[in-house]
Amino acid sequence: MANNFIKVNRRDNDDCIINENFIRYILKNEHSQCFYICTKFDGCTKENMFQVCRNESYETWQKLHKIFE
């Protein structure tokens, strides 16, 4: 698989990956150790954003965490 895809938490009981090139913005939540990723042009809410949590998608979480260091 190409390197420009990242795994995010499951949605509707299906595995999910997204293309890094379509990420519009990322929110970091320190308390839950999660990132929320928006891929829409017209904005997102937490309910329709992709979630990457440390305890569920550690490899992706670590990659995103390095961006914020």
PDB file of N, CA and C in Angstrom:
ATOM      1  N   MET A   1       0.845  -1.179   0.000  1.00  0.00           N
ATOM      2  CA  MET A   1       0.000   0.000   0.000  1.00  0.00           C
ATOM      3  C   MET A   1       0.887   1.238   0.000  1.00  0.00           C
ATOM      4  N   ALA A   2       0.431   2.283  -0.613  1.00  0.00           N
ATOM      5  CA  ALA A   2       1.199   3.517  -0.709  1.00  0.00           C
ATOM      6  C   ALA A   2       1.405   4.137   0.668  1.00  0.00           C
ATOM      7  N   ASN A   3       2.499   4.859   0.820  1.00  0.00           N
ATOM      8  CA  ASN A   3       2.841   5.468   2.095  1.00  0.00           C
ATOM      9  C   ASN A   3       1.987   6.666   2.454  1.00  0.00           C
ATOM     10  N   ASN A   4       1.200   7.185   1.538  1.00  0.00           N
ATOM     11  CA  ASN A   4       0.428   8.380   1.851  1.00  0.00           C
ATOM     12  C   ASN A   4      -0.946   8.065   2.443  1.00  0.00           C
ATOM     13  N   PHE A   5      -1.170   6.826   2.879  1.00  0.00           N
ATOM     14  CA  PHE A   5      -2.403   6.460   3.565  1.00  0.00           C
ATOM     15  C   PHE A   5      -2.095   6.189   5.026  1.00  0.00           C
ATOM     16  N   ILE A   6      -3.015   6.593   5.906  1.00  0.00           N
ATOM     17  CA  ILE A   6      -2.863   6.314   7.331  1.00  0.00           C
ATOM     18  C   ILE A   6      -4.121   5.615   7.833  1.00  0.00           C
ATOM     19  N   LYS A   7      -3.920   4.761   8.819  1.00  0.00           N
ATOM     20  CA  LYS A   7      -5.036   4.040   9.413  1.00  0.00           C
ATOM     21  C   LYS A   7      -5.655   4.898  10.502  1.00  0.00           C
ATOM     22  N   VAL A   8      -6.969   4.972  10.508  1.00  0.00           N
ATOM     23  CA  VAL A   8      -7.693   5.702  11.546  1.00  0.00           C
ATOM     24  C   VAL A   8      -8.621   4.736  12.253  1.00  0.00           C
ATOM     25  N   ASN A   9      -9.216   5.177  13.349  1.00  0.00           N
ATOM     26  CA  ASN A   9     -10.105   4.308  14.111  1.00  0.00           C
ATOM     27  C   ASN A   9     -11.288   3.864  13.263  1.00  0.00           C
ATOM     28  N   ARG A  10     -11.830   2.737  13.635  1.00  0.00           N
ATOM     29  CA  ARG A  10     -12.933   2.138  12.890  1.00  0.00           C
ATOM     30  C   ARG A  10     -14.138   3.058  12.861  1.00  0.00           C
ATOM     31  N   ARG A  11     -14.867   2.972  11.763  1.00  0.00           N
ATOM     32  CA  ARG A  11     -16.095   3.729  11.613  1.00  0.00           C
ATOM     33  C   ARG A  11     -17.174   2.772  11.157  1.00  0.00           C
ATOM     34  N   ASP A  12     -18.284   2.724  11.867  1.00  0.00           N
ATOM     35  CA  ASP A  12     -19.396   1.830  11.519  1.00  0.00           C
ATOM     36  C   ASP A  12     -18.937   0.379  11.427  1.00  0.00           C
ATOM     37  N   ASN A  13     -18.028  -0.012  12.336  1.00  0.00           N
ATOM     38  CA  ASN A  13     -17.510  -1.384  12.409  1.00  0.00           C
ATOM     39  C   ASN A  13     -16.700  -1.810  11.194  1.00  0.00           C
ATOM     40  N   ASP A  14     -16.198  -0.871  10.420  1.00  0.00           N
ATOM     41  CA  ASP A  14     -15.344  -1.171   9.274  1.00  0.00           C
ATOM     42  C   ASP A  14     -13.976  -0.530   9.494  1.00  0.00           C
ATOM     43  N   ASP A  15     -12.926  -1.220   9.053  1.00  0.00           N
ATOM     44  CA  ASP A  15     -11.597  -0.623   9.098  1.00  0.00           C
ATOM     45  C   ASP A  15     -11.570   0.570   8.160  1.00  0.00           C
ATOM     46  N   CYS A  16     -10.738   1.543   8.474  1.00  0.00           N
ATOM     47  CA  CYS A  16     -10.745   2.762   7.686  1.00  0.00           C
ATOM     48  C   CYS A  16      -9.327   3.304   7.531  1.00  0.00           C
ATOM     49  N   ILE A  17      -8.983   3.722   6.319  1.00  0.00           N
ATOM     50  CA  ILE A  17      -7.736   4.432   6.059  1.00  0.00           C
ATOM     51  C   ILE A  17      -8.089   5.695   5.278  1.00  0.00           C
ATOM     52  N   ILE A  18      -7.259   6.715   5.430  1.00  0.00           N
ATOM     53  CA  ILE A  18      -7.481   7.951   4.673  1.00  0.00           C
ATOM     54  C   ILE A  18      -6.178   8.362   4.007  1.00  0.00           C
ATOM     55  N   ASN A  19      -6.311   9.109   2.940  1.00  0.00           N
ATOM     56  CA  ASN A  19      -5.166   9.632   2.213  1.00  0.00           C
ATOM     57  C   ASN A  19      -4.680  10.892   2.922  1.00  0.00           C
ATOM     58  N   GLU A  20      -3.409  10.917   3.287  1.00  0.00           N
ATOM     59  CA  GLU A  20      -2.841  12.071   3.982  1.00  0.00           C
ATOM     60  C   GLU A  20      -2.995  13.363   3.196  1.00  0.00           C
ATOM     61  N   ASN A  21      -3.030  13.280   1.884  1.00  0.00           N
ATOM     62  CA  ASN A  21      -3.121  14.472   1.050  1.00  0.00           C
ATOM     63  C   ASN A  21      -4.477  15.167   1.151  1.00  0.00           C
ATOM     64  N   PHE A  22      -5.474  14.511   1.729  1.00  0.00           N
ATOM     65  CA  PHE A  22      -6.805  15.091   1.845  1.00  0.00           C
ATOM     66  C   PHE A  22      -7.109  15.590   3.255  1.00  0.00           C
ATOM     67  N   ILE A  23      -6.128  15.575   4.150  1.00  0.00           N
ATOM     68  CA  ILE A  23      -6.333  16.105   5.494  1.00  0.00           C
ATOM     69  C   ILE A  23      -6.358  17.631   5.415  1.00  0.00           C
ATOM     70  N   ARG A  24      -7.425  18.213   5.959  1.00  0.00           N
ATOM     71  CA  ARG A  24      -7.561  19.674   5.952  1.00  0.00           C
ATOM     72  C   ARG A  24      -7.064  20.275   7.265  1.00  0.00           C
ATOM     73  N   TYR A  25      -7.404  19.651   8.383  1.00  0.00           N
ATOM     74  CA  TYR A  25      -6.855  20.067   9.667  1.00  0.00           C
ATOM     75  C   TYR A  25      -6.970  18.942  10.678  1.00  0.00           C
ATOM     76  N   ILE A  26      -6.192  19.075  11.774  1.00  0.00           N
ATOM     77  CA  ILE A  26      -6.136  18.059  12.824  1.00  0.00           C
ATOM     78  C   ILE A  26      -6.287  18.759  14.168  1.00  0.00           C
ATOM     79  N   LEU A  27      -7.179  18.241  14.993  1.00  0.00           N
ATOM     80  CA  LEU A  27      -7.347  18.717  16.365  1.00  0.00           C
ATOM     81  C   LEU A  27      -6.684  17.715  17.299  1.00  0.00           C
ATOM     82  N   LYS A  28      -6.006  18.219  18.314  1.00  0.00           N
ATOM     83  CA  LYS A  28      -5.342  17.345  19.285  1.00  0.00           C
ATOM     84  C   LYS A  28      -6.055  17.465  20.622  1.00  0.00           C
ATOM     85  N   ASN A  29      -6.419  16.332  21.200  1.00  0.00           N
ATOM     86  CA  ASN A  29      -7.068  16.305  22.500  1.00  0.00           C
ATOM     87  C   ASN A  29      -6.122  15.638  23.483  1.00  0.00           C
ATOM     88  N   GLU A  30      -5.527  16.428  24.367  1.00  0.00           N
ATOM     89  CA  GLU A  30      -4.544  15.913  25.335  1.00  0.00           C
ATOM     90  C   GLU A  30      -5.164  14.946  26.330  1.00  0.00           C
ATOM     91  N   HIS A  31      -6.382  15.231  26.783  1.00  0.00           N
ATOM     92  CA  HIS A  31      -6.998  14.417  27.841  1.00  0.00           C
ATOM     93  C   HIS A  31      -7.313  13.002  27.372  1.00  0.00           C
ATOM     94  N   SER A  32      -7.833  12.862  26.166  1.00  0.00           N
ATOM     95  CA  SER A  32      -8.204  11.528  25.678  1.00  0.00           C
ATOM     96  C   SER A  32      -7.090  10.880  24.869  1.00  0.00           C
ATOM     97  N   GLN A  33      -5.979  11.602  24.651  1.00  0.00           N
ATOM     98  CA  GLN A  33      -4.861  11.096  23.849  1.00  0.00           C
ATOM     99  C   GLN A  33      -5.328  10.729  22.446  1.00  0.00           C
ATOM    100  N   CYS A  34      -6.144  11.585  21.856  1.00  0.00           N
ATOM    101  CA  CYS A  34      -6.681  11.346  20.510  1.00  0.00           C
ATOM    102  C   CYS A  34      -6.454  12.558  19.616  1.00  0.00           C
ATOM    103  N   PHE A  35      -6.421  12.302  18.323  1.00  0.00           N
ATOM    104  CA  PHE A  35      -6.429  13.338  17.300  1.00  0.00           C
ATOM    105  C   PHE A  35      -7.726  13.193  16.526  1.00  0.00           C
ATOM    106  N   TYR A  36      -8.282  14.324  16.097  1.00  0.00           N
ATOM    107  CA  TYR A  36      -9.473  14.323  15.255  1.00  0.00           C
ATOM    108  C   TYR A  36      -9.081  14.932  13.924  1.00  0.00           C
ATOM    109  N   ILE A  37      -9.331  14.195  12.844  1.00  0.00           N
ATOM    110  CA  ILE A  37      -8.853  14.580  11.521  1.00  0.00           C
ATOM    111  C   ILE A  37     -10.025  14.960  10.630  1.00  0.00           C
ATOM    112  N   CYS A  38      -9.929  16.133  10.009  1.00  0.00           N
ATOM    113  CA  CYS A  38     -10.961  16.608   9.084  1.00  0.00           C
ATOM    114  C   CYS A  38     -10.458  16.450   7.654  1.00  0.00           C
ATOM    115  N   THR A  39     -11.298  15.880   6.796  1.00  0.00           N
ATOM    116  CA  THR A  39     -10.933  15.711   5.385  1.00  0.00           C
ATOM    117  C   THR A  39     -11.904  16.436   4.454  1.00  0.00           C
ATOM    118  N   LYS A  40     -12.830  17.190   5.011  1.00  0.00           N
ATOM    119  CA  LYS A  40     -13.842  17.866   4.188  1.00  0.00           C
ATOM    120  C   LYS A  40     -13.430  19.292   3.864  1.00  0.00           C
ATOM    121  N   PHE A  41     -13.838  19.770   2.696  1.00  0.00           N
ATOM    122  CA  PHE A  41     -13.548  21.141   2.304  1.00  0.00           C
ATOM    123  C   PHE A  41     -14.413  22.144   3.056  1.00  0.00           C
ATOM    124  N   ASP A  42     -15.640  21.747   3.391  1.00  0.00           N
ATOM    125  CA  ASP A  42     -16.590  22.689   3.980  1.00  0.00           C
ATOM    126  C   ASP A  42     -16.670  22.607   5.501  1.00  0.00           C
ATOM    127  N   GLY A  43     -15.677  22.028   6.147  1.00  0.00           N
ATOM    128  CA  GLY A  43     -15.621  21.994   7.600  1.00  0.00           C
ATOM    129  C   GLY A  43     -16.129  20.699   8.193  1.00  0.00           C
ATOM    130  N   CYS A  44     -15.776  20.481   9.438  1.00  0.00           N
ATOM    131  CA  CYS A  44     -16.140  19.256  10.138  1.00  0.00           C
ATOM    132  C   CYS A  44     -16.587  19.582  11.555  1.00  0.00           C
ATOM    133  N   THR A  45     -17.284  18.646  12.138  1.00  0.00           N
ATOM    134  CA  THR A  45     -17.566  18.661  13.570  1.00  0.00           C
ATOM    135  C   THR A  45     -16.924  17.404  14.130  1.00  0.00           C
ATOM    136  N   LYS A  46     -16.768  17.307  15.434  1.00  0.00           N
ATOM    137  CA  LYS A  46     -16.141  16.121  16.013  1.00  0.00           C
ATOM    138  C   LYS A  46     -16.901  14.852  15.660  1.00  0.00           C
ATOM    139  N   GLU A  47     -18.202  14.970  15.452  1.00  0.00           N
ATOM    140  CA  GLU A  47     -19.010  13.797  15.131  1.00  0.00           C
ATOM    141  C   GLU A  47     -18.674  13.201  13.760  1.00  0.00           C
ATOM    142  N   ASN A  48     -18.257  14.020  12.794  1.00  0.00           N
ATOM    143  CA  ASN A  48     -17.975  13.480  11.457  1.00  0.00           C
ATOM    144  C   ASN A  48     -16.488  13.515  11.099  1.00  0.00           C
ATOM    145  N   MET A  49     -15.633  13.731  12.110  1.00  0.00           N
ATOM    146  CA  MET A  49     -14.193  13.690  11.880  1.00  0.00           C
ATOM    147  C   MET A  49     -13.679  12.282  12.145  1.00  0.00           C
ATOM    148  N   PHE A  50     -12.552  11.965  11.559  1.00  0.00           N
ATOM    149  CA  PHE A  50     -11.895  10.687  11.826  1.00  0.00           C
ATOM    150  C   PHE A  50     -11.113  10.815  13.125  1.00  0.00           C
ATOM    151  N   GLN A  51     -11.079   9.760  13.895  1.00  0.00           N
ATOM    152  CA  GLN A  51     -10.431   9.772  15.190  1.00  0.00           C
ATOM    153  C   GLN A  51      -9.238   8.817  15.173  1.00  0.00           C
ATOM    154  N   VAL A  52      -8.142   9.285  15.757  1.00  0.00           N
ATOM    155  CA  VAL A  52      -6.950   8.451  15.924  1.00  0.00           C
ATOM    156  C   VAL A  52      -6.546   8.547  17.386  1.00  0.00           C
ATOM    157  N   CYS A  53      -6.706   7.447  18.117  1.00  0.00           N
ATOM    158  CA  CYS A  53      -6.379   7.420  19.544  1.00  0.00           C
ATOM    159  C   CYS A  53      -5.143   6.568  19.782  1.00  0.00           C
ATOM    160  N   ARG A  54      -4.404   6.965  20.780  1.00  0.00           N
ATOM    161  CA  ARG A  54      -3.136   6.292  21.092  1.00  0.00           C
ATOM    162  C   ARG A  54      -3.325   4.797  21.354  1.00  0.00           C
ATOM    163  N   ASN A  55      -4.353   4.422  22.069  1.00  0.00           N
ATOM    164  CA  ASN A  55      -4.523   3.020  22.447  1.00  0.00           C
ATOM    165  C   ASN A  55      -5.170   2.175  21.363  1.00  0.00           C
ATOM    166  N   GLU A  56      -5.642   2.773  20.265  1.00  0.00           N
ATOM    167  CA  GLU A  56      -6.291   2.008  19.202  1.00  0.00           C
ATOM    168  C   GLU A  56      -5.503   1.991  17.894  1.00  0.00           C
ATOM    169  N   SER A  57      -4.837   3.078  17.580  1.00  0.00           N
ATOM    170  CA  SER A  57      -4.049   3.178  16.333  1.00  0.00           C
ATOM    171  C   SER A  57      -2.706   3.810  16.660  1.00  0.00           C
ATOM    172  N   TYR A  58      -1.910   3.101  17.440  1.00  0.00           N
ATOM    173  CA  TYR A  58      -0.692   3.697  17.989  1.00  0.00           C
ATOM    174  C   TYR A  58       0.285   4.177  16.913  1.00  0.00           C
ATOM    175  N   GLU A  59       0.482   3.399  15.878  1.00  0.00           N
ATOM    176  CA  GLU A  59       1.455   3.783  14.843  1.00  0.00           C
ATOM    177  C   GLU A  59       1.056   5.103  14.175  1.00  0.00           C
ATOM    178  N   THR A  60      -0.198   5.243  13.836  1.00  0.00           N
ATOM    179  CA  THR A  60      -0.682   6.486  13.233  1.00  0.00           C
ATOM    180  C   THR A  60      -0.641   7.610  14.250  1.00  0.00           C
ATOM    181  N   TRP A  61      -1.062   7.332  15.484  1.00  0.00           N
ATOM    182  CA  TRP A  61      -1.049   8.343  16.542  1.00  0.00           C
ATOM    183  C   TRP A  61       0.363   8.884  16.738  1.00  0.00           C
ATOM    184  N   GLN A  62       1.349   7.996  16.749  1.00  0.00           N
ATOM    185  CA  GLN A  62       2.744   8.399  16.936  1.00  0.00           C
ATOM    186  C   GLN A  62       3.209   9.301  15.789  1.00  0.00           C
ATOM    187  N   LYS A  63       2.817   8.965  14.585  1.00  0.00           N
ATOM    188  CA  LYS A  63       3.181   9.772  13.411  1.00  0.00           C
ATOM    189  C   LYS A  63       2.594  11.182  13.525  1.00  0.00           C
ATOM    190  N   LEU A  64       1.327  11.281  13.940  1.00  0.00           N
ATOM    191  CA  LEU A  64       0.687  12.586  14.103  1.00  0.00           C
ATOM    192  C   LEU A  64       1.282  13.347  15.283  1.00  0.00           C
ATOM    193  N   HIS A  65       1.587  12.643  16.346  1.00  0.00           N
ATOM    194  CA  HIS A  65       2.143  13.276  17.537  1.00  0.00           C
ATOM    195  C   HIS A  65       3.472  13.966  17.226  1.00  0.00           C
ATOM    196  N   LYS A  66       4.273  13.387  16.363  1.00  0.00           N
ATOM    197  CA  LYS A  66       5.558  13.985  15.992  1.00  0.00           C
ATOM    198  C   LYS A  66       5.378  15.343  15.318  1.00  0.00           C
ATOM    199  N   ILE A  67       4.280  15.516  14.612  1.00  0.00           N
ATOM    200  CA  ILE A  67       4.000  16.794  13.957  1.00  0.00           C
ATOM    201  C   ILE A  67       3.833  17.906  14.997  1.00  0.00           C
ATOM    202  N   PHE A  68       3.241  17.577  16.148  1.00  0.00           N
ATOM    203  CA  PHE A  68       2.949  18.561  17.179  1.00  0.00           C
ATOM    204  C   PHE A  68       4.108  18.813  18.131  1.00  0.00           C
ATOM    205  N   GLU A  69       5.188  18.090  18.001  1.00  0.00           N
ATOM    206  CA  GLU A  69       6.333  18.275  18.907  1.00  0.00           C
ATOM    207  C   GLU A  69       7.140  19.490  18.534  1.00  0.00           C
TER     208      GLU A  69
END
